[in-house]
Amino acid sequence: MIRFKLAELIEKKQFKESRRITVQEVAEASGVNRMTLSKILNHKGYSTGTDILDKLCVYFDCKIEELVEYVAE
């Protein structure tokens, strides 16, 4: 199963910038729908397209392996 590490990236960005970052802020800045972000954060096994992954990598300035990981079931 693919697991998203979105929550960890948000926490890391909050710490780095010393401020709270909301899902709405991530949505507006990345161009990813807020509902899509919510599903990624809250639904185990959620599937999304590479365009979304690309937008999130750009927003967080990260590599794909920092955003997703494979977890054996």
PDB file of N, CA and C in Angstrom:
ATOM      1  N   MET A   1       0.842  -1.171   0.000  1.00  0.00           N
ATOM      2  CA  MET A   1       0.000   0.000   0.000  1.00  0.00           C
ATOM      3  C   MET A   1       0.896   1.247   0.000  1.00  0.00           C
ATOM      4  N   ILE A   2       0.449   2.259  -0.687  1.00  0.00           N
ATOM      5  CA  ILE A   2       1.148   3.538  -0.704  1.00  0.00           C
ATOM      6  C   ILE A   2       0.598   4.411   0.424  1.00  0.00           C
ATOM      7  N   ARG A   3       1.490   4.949   1.230  1.00  0.00           N
ATOM      8  CA  ARG A   3       1.096   5.818   2.337  1.00  0.00           C
ATOM      9  C   ARG A   3       1.622   7.224   2.066  1.00  0.00           C
ATOM     10  N   PHE A   4       0.737   8.187   2.209  1.00  0.00           N
ATOM     11  CA  PHE A   4       1.124   9.586   2.051  1.00  0.00           C
ATOM     12  C   PHE A   4       1.706  10.108   3.357  1.00  0.00           C
ATOM     13  N   LYS A   5       2.739  10.908   3.246  1.00  0.00           N
ATOM     14  CA  LYS A   5       3.367  11.528   4.410  1.00  0.00           C
ATOM     15  C   LYS A   5       3.058  13.028   4.442  1.00  0.00           C
ATOM     16  N   LEU A   6       1.856  13.366   4.007  1.00  0.00           N
ATOM     17  CA  LEU A   6       1.440  14.765   3.921  1.00  0.00           C
ATOM     18  C   LEU A   6       1.403  15.436   5.292  1.00  0.00           C
ATOM     19  N   ALA A   7       0.869  14.746   6.281  1.00  0.00           N
ATOM     20  CA  ALA A   7       0.790  15.329   7.628  1.00  0.00           C
ATOM     21  C   ALA A   7       2.184  15.657   8.156  1.00  0.00           C
ATOM     22  N   GLU A   8       3.135  14.757   7.902  1.00  0.00           N
ATOM     23  CA  GLU A   8       4.502  14.987   8.353  1.00  0.00           C
ATOM     24  C   GLU A   8       5.123  16.200   7.652  1.00  0.00           C
ATOM     25  N   LEU A   9       4.839  16.339   6.356  1.00  0.00           N
ATOM     26  CA  LEU A   9       5.376  17.480   5.613  1.00  0.00           C
ATOM     27  C   LEU A   9       4.777  18.803   6.100  1.00  0.00           C
ATOM     28  N   ILE A  10       3.495  18.780   6.419  1.00  0.00           N
ATOM     29  CA  ILE A  10       2.856  19.989   6.958  1.00  0.00           C
ATOM     30  C   ILE A  10       3.489  20.351   8.300  1.00  0.00           C
ATOM     31  N   GLU A  11       3.681  19.346   9.166  1.00  0.00           N
ATOM     32  CA  GLU A  11       4.298  19.595  10.475  1.00  0.00           C
ATOM     33  C   GLU A  11       5.717  20.138  10.324  1.00  0.00           C
ATOM     34  N   LYS A  12       6.469  19.566   9.402  1.00  0.00           N
ATOM     35  CA  LYS A  12       7.846  20.007   9.160  1.00  0.00           C
ATOM     36  C   LYS A  12       7.875  21.463   8.683  1.00  0.00           C
ATOM     37  N   LYS A  13       6.959  21.810   7.787  1.00  0.00           N
ATOM     38  CA  LYS A  13       6.881  23.186   7.268  1.00  0.00           C
ATOM     39  C   LYS A  13       6.458  24.156   8.375  1.00  0.00           C
ATOM     40  N   GLN A  14       5.526  23.723   9.225  1.00  0.00           N
ATOM     41  CA  GLN A  14       5.095  24.561  10.348  1.00  0.00           C
ATOM     42  C   GLN A  14       6.268  24.851  11.278  1.00  0.00           C
ATOM     43  N   PHE A  15       7.043  23.817  11.575  1.00  0.00           N
ATOM     44  CA  PHE A  15       8.197  23.986  12.461  1.00  0.00           C
ATOM     45  C   PHE A  15       9.228  24.913  11.827  1.00  0.00           C
ATOM     46  N   LYS A  16       9.513  24.677  10.555  1.00  0.00           N
ATOM     47  CA  LYS A  16      10.517  25.469   9.831  1.00  0.00           C
ATOM     48  C   LYS A  16      10.130  26.948   9.769  1.00  0.00           C
ATOM     49  N   GLU A  17       8.833  27.216   9.564  1.00  0.00           N
ATOM     50  CA  GLU A  17       8.360  28.591   9.425  1.00  0.00           C
ATOM     51  C   GLU A  17       7.825  29.181  10.727  1.00  0.00           C
ATOM     52  N   SER A  18       7.825  28.394  11.789  1.00  0.00           N
ATOM     53  CA  SER A  18       7.357  28.828  13.117  1.00  0.00           C
ATOM     54  C   SER A  18       5.958  29.422  13.080  1.00  0.00           C
ATOM     55  N   ARG A  19       5.067  28.732  12.375  1.00  0.00           N
ATOM     56  CA  ARG A  19       3.676  29.187  12.305  1.00  0.00           C
ATOM     57  C   ARG A  19       2.784  28.013  11.925  1.00  0.00           C
ATOM     58  N   ARG A  20       1.487  28.177  12.156  1.00  0.00           N
ATOM     59  CA  ARG A  20       0.506  27.147  11.818  1.00  0.00           C
ATOM     60  C   ARG A  20       0.182  27.224  10.329  1.00  0.00           C
ATOM     61  N   ILE A  21       0.113  26.069   9.686  1.00  0.00           N
ATOM     62  CA  ILE A  21      -0.243  25.992   8.273  1.00  0.00           C
ATOM     63  C   ILE A  21      -1.511  25.153   8.158  1.00  0.00           C
ATOM     64  N   THR A  22      -2.538  25.720   7.564  1.00  0.00           N
ATOM     65  CA  THR A  22      -3.818  25.028   7.431  1.00  0.00           C
ATOM     66  C   THR A  22      -3.896  24.281   6.104  1.00  0.00           C
ATOM     67  N   VAL A  23      -4.816  23.336   6.052  1.00  0.00           N
ATOM     68  CA  VAL A  23      -5.067  22.601   4.816  1.00  0.00           C
ATOM     69  C   VAL A  23      -5.535  23.576   3.738  1.00  0.00           C
ATOM     70  N   GLN A  24      -6.331  24.547   4.125  1.00  0.00           N
ATOM     71  CA  GLN A  24      -6.799  25.560   3.173  1.00  0.00           C
ATOM     72  C   GLN A  24      -5.624  26.324   2.566  1.00  0.00           C
ATOM     73  N   GLU A  25      -4.659  26.670   3.386  1.00  0.00           N
ATOM     74  CA  GLU A  25      -3.474  27.381   2.893  1.00  0.00           C
ATOM     75  C   GLU A  25      -2.688  26.520   1.905  1.00  0.00           C
ATOM     76  N   VAL A  26      -2.512  25.245   2.235  1.00  0.00           N
ATOM     77  CA  VAL A  26      -1.811  24.326   1.329  1.00  0.00           C
ATOM     78  C   VAL A  26      -2.574  24.231   0.012  1.00  0.00           C
ATOM     79  N   ALA A  27      -3.900  24.133   0.101  1.00  0.00           N
ATOM     80  CA  ALA A  27      -4.738  24.033  -1.097  1.00  0.00           C
ATOM     81  C   ALA A  27      -4.567  25.256  -1.992  1.00  0.00           C
ATOM     82  N   GLU A  28      -4.663  26.424  -1.411  1.00  0.00           N
ATOM     83  CA  GLU A  28      -4.563  27.660  -2.193  1.00  0.00           C
ATOM     84  C   GLU A  28      -3.177  27.840  -2.811  1.00  0.00           C
ATOM     85  N   ALA A  29      -2.145  27.535  -2.045  1.00  0.00           N
ATOM     86  CA  ALA A  29      -0.776  27.746  -2.525  1.00  0.00           C
ATOM     87  C   ALA A  29      -0.321  26.685  -3.527  1.00  0.00           C
ATOM     88  N   SER A  30      -0.843  25.467  -3.399  1.00  0.00           N
ATOM     89  CA  SER A  30      -0.402  24.370  -4.268  1.00  0.00           C
ATOM     90  C   SER A  30      -1.291  24.174  -5.491  1.00  0.00           C
ATOM     91  N   GLY A  31      -2.532  24.644  -5.395  1.00  0.00           N
ATOM     92  CA  GLY A  31      -3.474  24.416  -6.488  1.00  0.00           C
ATOM     93  C   GLY A  31      -4.181  23.078  -6.400  1.00  0.00           C
ATOM     94  N   VAL A  32      -4.046  22.404  -5.263  1.00  0.00           N
ATOM     95  CA  VAL A  32      -4.718  21.124  -5.030  1.00  0.00           C
ATOM     96  C   VAL A  32      -5.992  21.406  -4.236  1.00  0.00           C
ATOM     97  N   ASN A  33      -7.095  20.837  -4.676  1.00  0.00           N
ATOM     98  CA  ASN A  33      -8.381  21.029  -4.016  1.00  0.00           C
ATOM     99  C   ASN A  33      -8.298  20.647  -2.537  1.00  0.00           C
ATOM    100  N   ARG A  34      -8.910  21.462  -1.683  1.00  0.00           N
ATOM    101  CA  ARG A  34      -8.899  21.211  -0.237  1.00  0.00           C
ATOM    102  C   ARG A  34      -9.489  19.854   0.108  1.00  0.00           C
ATOM    103  N   MET A  35     -10.542  19.457  -0.613  1.00  0.00           N
ATOM    104  CA  MET A  35     -11.176  18.168  -0.347  1.00  0.00           C
ATOM    105  C   MET A  35     -10.229  17.017  -0.692  1.00  0.00           C
ATOM    106  N   THR A  36      -9.466  17.172  -1.748  1.00  0.00           N
ATOM    107  CA  THR A  36      -8.479  16.153  -2.118  1.00  0.00           C
ATOM    108  C   THR A  36      -7.425  16.022  -1.023  1.00  0.00           C
ATOM    109  N   LEU A  37      -6.948  17.145  -0.522  1.00  0.00           N
ATOM    110  CA  LEU A  37      -5.969  17.117   0.568  1.00  0.00           C
ATOM    111  C   LEU A  37      -6.549  16.448   1.806  1.00  0.00           C
ATOM    112  N   SER A  38      -7.788  16.748   2.114  1.00  0.00           N
ATOM    113  CA  SER A  38      -8.457  16.142   3.260  1.00  0.00           C
ATOM    114  C   SER A  38      -8.547  14.628   3.101  1.00  0.00           C
ATOM    115  N   LYS A  39      -8.867  14.172   1.903  1.00  0.00           N
ATOM    116  CA  LYS A  39      -8.944  12.729   1.645  1.00  0.00           C
ATOM    117  C   LYS A  39      -7.572  12.082   1.787  1.00  0.00           C
ATOM    118  N   ILE A  40      -6.547  12.736   1.272  1.00  0.00           N
ATOM    119  CA  ILE A  40      -5.186  12.205   1.403  1.00  0.00           C
ATOM    120  C   ILE A  40      -4.810  12.089   2.880  1.00  0.00           C
ATOM    121  N   LEU A  41      -5.171  13.083   3.665  1.00  0.00           N
ATOM    122  CA  LEU A  41      -4.831  13.091   5.087  1.00  0.00           C
ATOM    123  C   LEU A  41      -5.629  12.086   5.907  1.00  0.00           C
ATOM    124  N   ASN A  42      -6.876  11.818   5.517  1.00  0.00           N
ATOM    125  CA  ASN A  42      -7.773  11.050   6.384  1.00  0.00           C
ATOM    126  C   ASN A  42      -8.206   9.676   5.903  1.00  0.00           C
ATOM    127  N   HIS A  43      -7.952   9.340   4.648  1.00  0.00           N
ATOM    128  CA  HIS A  43      -8.422   8.062   4.125  1.00  0.00           C
ATOM    129  C   HIS A  43      -7.251   7.160   3.774  1.00  0.00           C
ATOM    130  N   LYS A  44      -7.078   6.115   4.560  1.00  0.00           N
ATOM    131  CA  LYS A  44      -6.014   5.142   4.322  1.00  0.00           C
ATOM    132  C   LYS A  44      -6.186   4.535   2.932  1.00  0.00           C
ATOM    133  N   GLY A  45      -5.112   4.509   2.169  1.00  0.00           N
ATOM    134  CA  GLY A  45      -5.160   3.904   0.845  1.00  0.00           C
ATOM    135  C   GLY A  45      -5.753   4.784  -0.236  1.00  0.00           C
ATOM    136  N   TYR A  46      -5.928   6.073   0.021  1.00  0.00           N
ATOM    137  CA  TYR A  46      -6.485   6.983  -0.984  1.00  0.00           C
ATOM    138  C   TYR A  46      -5.572   7.013  -2.205  1.00  0.00           C
ATOM    139  N   SER A  47      -6.172   7.029  -3.382  1.00  0.00           N
ATOM    140  CA  SER A  47      -5.425   7.037  -4.638  1.00  0.00           C
ATOM    141  C   SER A  47      -5.602   8.383  -5.331  1.00  0.00           C
ATOM    142  N   THR A  48      -4.511   8.907  -5.868  1.00  0.00           N
ATOM    143  CA  THR A  48      -4.570  10.182  -6.577  1.00  0.00           C
ATOM    144  C   THR A  48      -3.628  10.152  -7.772  1.00  0.00           C
ATOM    145  N   GLY A  49      -3.724  11.147  -8.611  1.00  0.00           N
ATOM    146  CA  GLY A  49      -2.923  11.192  -9.831  1.00  0.00           C
ATOM    147  C   GLY A  49      -1.560  11.835  -9.644  1.00  0.00           C
ATOM    148  N   THR A  50      -0.713  11.633 -10.641  1.00  0.00           N
ATOM    149  CA  THR A  50       0.637  12.190 -10.581  1.00  0.00           C
ATOM    150  C   THR A  50       0.642  13.713 -10.638  1.00  0.00           C
ATOM    151  N   ASP A  51      -0.390  14.311 -11.215  1.00  0.00           N
ATOM    152  CA  ASP A  51      -0.454  15.775 -11.249  1.00  0.00           C
ATOM    153  C   ASP A  51      -0.562  16.352  -9.841  1.00  0.00           C
ATOM    154  N   ILE A  52      -1.313  15.673  -8.981  1.00  0.00           N
ATOM    155  CA  ILE A  52      -1.457  16.106  -7.584  1.00  0.00           C
ATOM    156  C   ILE A  52      -0.126  15.927  -6.858  1.00  0.00           C
ATOM    157  N   LEU A  53       0.510  14.782  -7.075  1.00  0.00           N
ATOM    158  CA  LEU A  53       1.804  14.528  -6.442  1.00  0.00           C
ATOM    159  C   LEU A  53       2.819  15.595  -6.854  1.00  0.00           C
ATOM    160  N   ASP A  54       2.812  15.942  -8.127  1.00  0.00           N
ATOM    161  CA  ASP A  54       3.723  16.962  -8.641  1.00  0.00           C
ATOM    162  C   ASP A  54       3.480  18.307  -7.956  1.00  0.00           C
ATOM    163  N   LYS A  55       2.236  18.715  -7.847  1.00  0.00           N
ATOM    164  CA  LYS A  55       1.904  19.996  -7.210  1.00  0.00           C
ATOM    165  C   LYS A  55       2.345  20.026  -5.751  1.00  0.00           C
ATOM    166  N   LEU A  56       2.157  18.908  -5.048  1.00  0.00           N
ATOM    167  CA  LEU A  56       2.546  18.853  -3.644  1.00  0.00           C
ATOM    168  C   LEU A  56       4.067  18.869  -3.486  1.00  0.00           C
ATOM    169  N   CYS A  57       4.770  18.169  -4.369  1.00  0.00           N
ATOM    170  CA  CYS A  57       6.240  18.194  -4.323  1.00  0.00           C
ATOM    171  C   CYS A  57       6.767  19.603  -4.575  1.00  0.00           C
ATOM    172  N   VAL A  58       6.150  20.315  -5.497  1.00  0.00           N
ATOM    173  CA  VAL A  58       6.562  21.699  -5.766  1.00  0.00           C
ATOM    174  C   VAL A  58       6.292  22.568  -4.538  1.00  0.00           C
ATOM    175  N   TYR A  59       5.096  22.451  -3.963  1.00  0.00           N
ATOM    176  CA  TYR A  59       4.739  23.278  -2.809  1.00  0.00           C
ATOM    177  C   TYR A  59       5.678  23.036  -1.623  1.00  0.00           C
ATOM    178  N   PHE A  60       5.938  21.758  -1.325  1.00  0.00           N
ATOM    179  CA  PHE A  60       6.776  21.426  -0.168  1.00  0.00           C
ATOM    180  C   PHE A  60       8.271  21.409  -0.504  1.00  0.00           C
ATOM    181  N   ASP A  61       8.597  21.627  -1.787  1.00  0.00           N
ATOM    182  CA  ASP A  61       9.989  21.584  -2.236  1.00  0.00           C
ATOM    183  C   ASP A  61      10.639  20.282  -1.770  1.00  0.00           C
ATOM    184  N   CYS A  62       9.997  19.169  -2.143  1.00  0.00           N
ATOM    185  CA  CYS A  62      10.466  17.859  -1.694  1.00  0.00           C
ATOM    186  C   CYS A  62      10.524  16.869  -2.852  1.00  0.00           C
ATOM    187  N   LYS A  63      11.190  15.760  -2.605  1.00  0.00           N
ATOM    188  CA  LYS A  63      11.236  14.658  -3.560  1.00  0.00           C
ATOM    189  C   LYS A  63      10.023  13.772  -3.312  1.00  0.00           C
ATOM    190  N   ILE A  64       9.664  12.989  -4.322  1.00  0.00           N
ATOM    191  CA  ILE A  64       8.478  12.130  -4.216  1.00  0.00           C
ATOM    192  C   ILE A  64       8.579  11.173  -3.023  1.00  0.00           C
ATOM    193  N   GLU A  65       9.778  10.675  -2.733  1.00  0.00           N
ATOM    194  CA  GLU A  65       9.934   9.736  -1.620  1.00  0.00           C
ATOM    195  C   GLU A  65       9.733  10.394  -0.259  1.00  0.00           C
ATOM    196  N   GLU A  66       9.749  11.718  -0.224  1.00  0.00           N
ATOM    197  CA  GLU A  66       9.434  12.426   1.013  1.00  0.00           C
ATOM    198  C   GLU A  66       7.928  12.600   1.187  1.00  0.00           C
ATOM    199  N   LEU A  67       7.187  12.411   0.111  1.00  0.00           N
ATOM    200  CA  LEU A  67       5.733  12.580   0.122  1.00  0.00           C
ATOM    201  C   LEU A  67       4.990  11.256   0.254  1.00  0.00           C
ATOM    202  N   VAL A  68       5.526  10.207  -0.364  1.00  0.00           N
ATOM    203  CA  VAL A  68       4.866   8.897  -0.321  1.00  0.00           C
ATOM    204  C   VAL A  68       5.870   7.812   0.038  1.00  0.00           C
ATOM    205  N   GLU A  69       5.350   6.717   0.596  1.00  0.00           N
ATOM    206  CA  GLU A  69       6.188   5.558   0.872  1.00  0.00           C
ATOM    207  C   GLU A  69       5.370   4.293   0.678  1.00  0.00           C
ATOM    208  N   TYR A  70       6.059   3.214   0.345  1.00  0.00           N
ATOM    209  CA  TYR A  70       5.400   1.923   0.190  1.00  0.00           C
ATOM    210  C   TYR A  70       5.439   1.207   1.529  1.00  0.00           C
ATOM    211  N   VAL A  71       4.271   0.717   1.960  1.00  0.00           N
ATOM    212  CA  VAL A  71       4.160  -0.035   3.204  1.00  0.00           C
ATOM    213  C   VAL A  71       3.552  -1.387   2.862  1.00  0.00           C
ATOM    214  N   ALA A  72       4.276  -2.454   3.142  1.00  0.00           N
ATOM    215  CA  ALA A  72       3.752  -3.795   2.875  1.00  0.00           C
ATOM    216  C   ALA A  72       2.561  -4.061   3.791  1.00  0.00           C
ATOM    217  N   GLU A  73       1.538  -4.676   3.233  1.00  0.00           N
ATOM    218  CA  GLU A  73       0.338  -4.960   4.040  1.00  0.00           C
ATOM    219  C   GLU A  73       0.426  -6.318   4.677  1.00  0.00           C
TER     220      GLU A  73
END
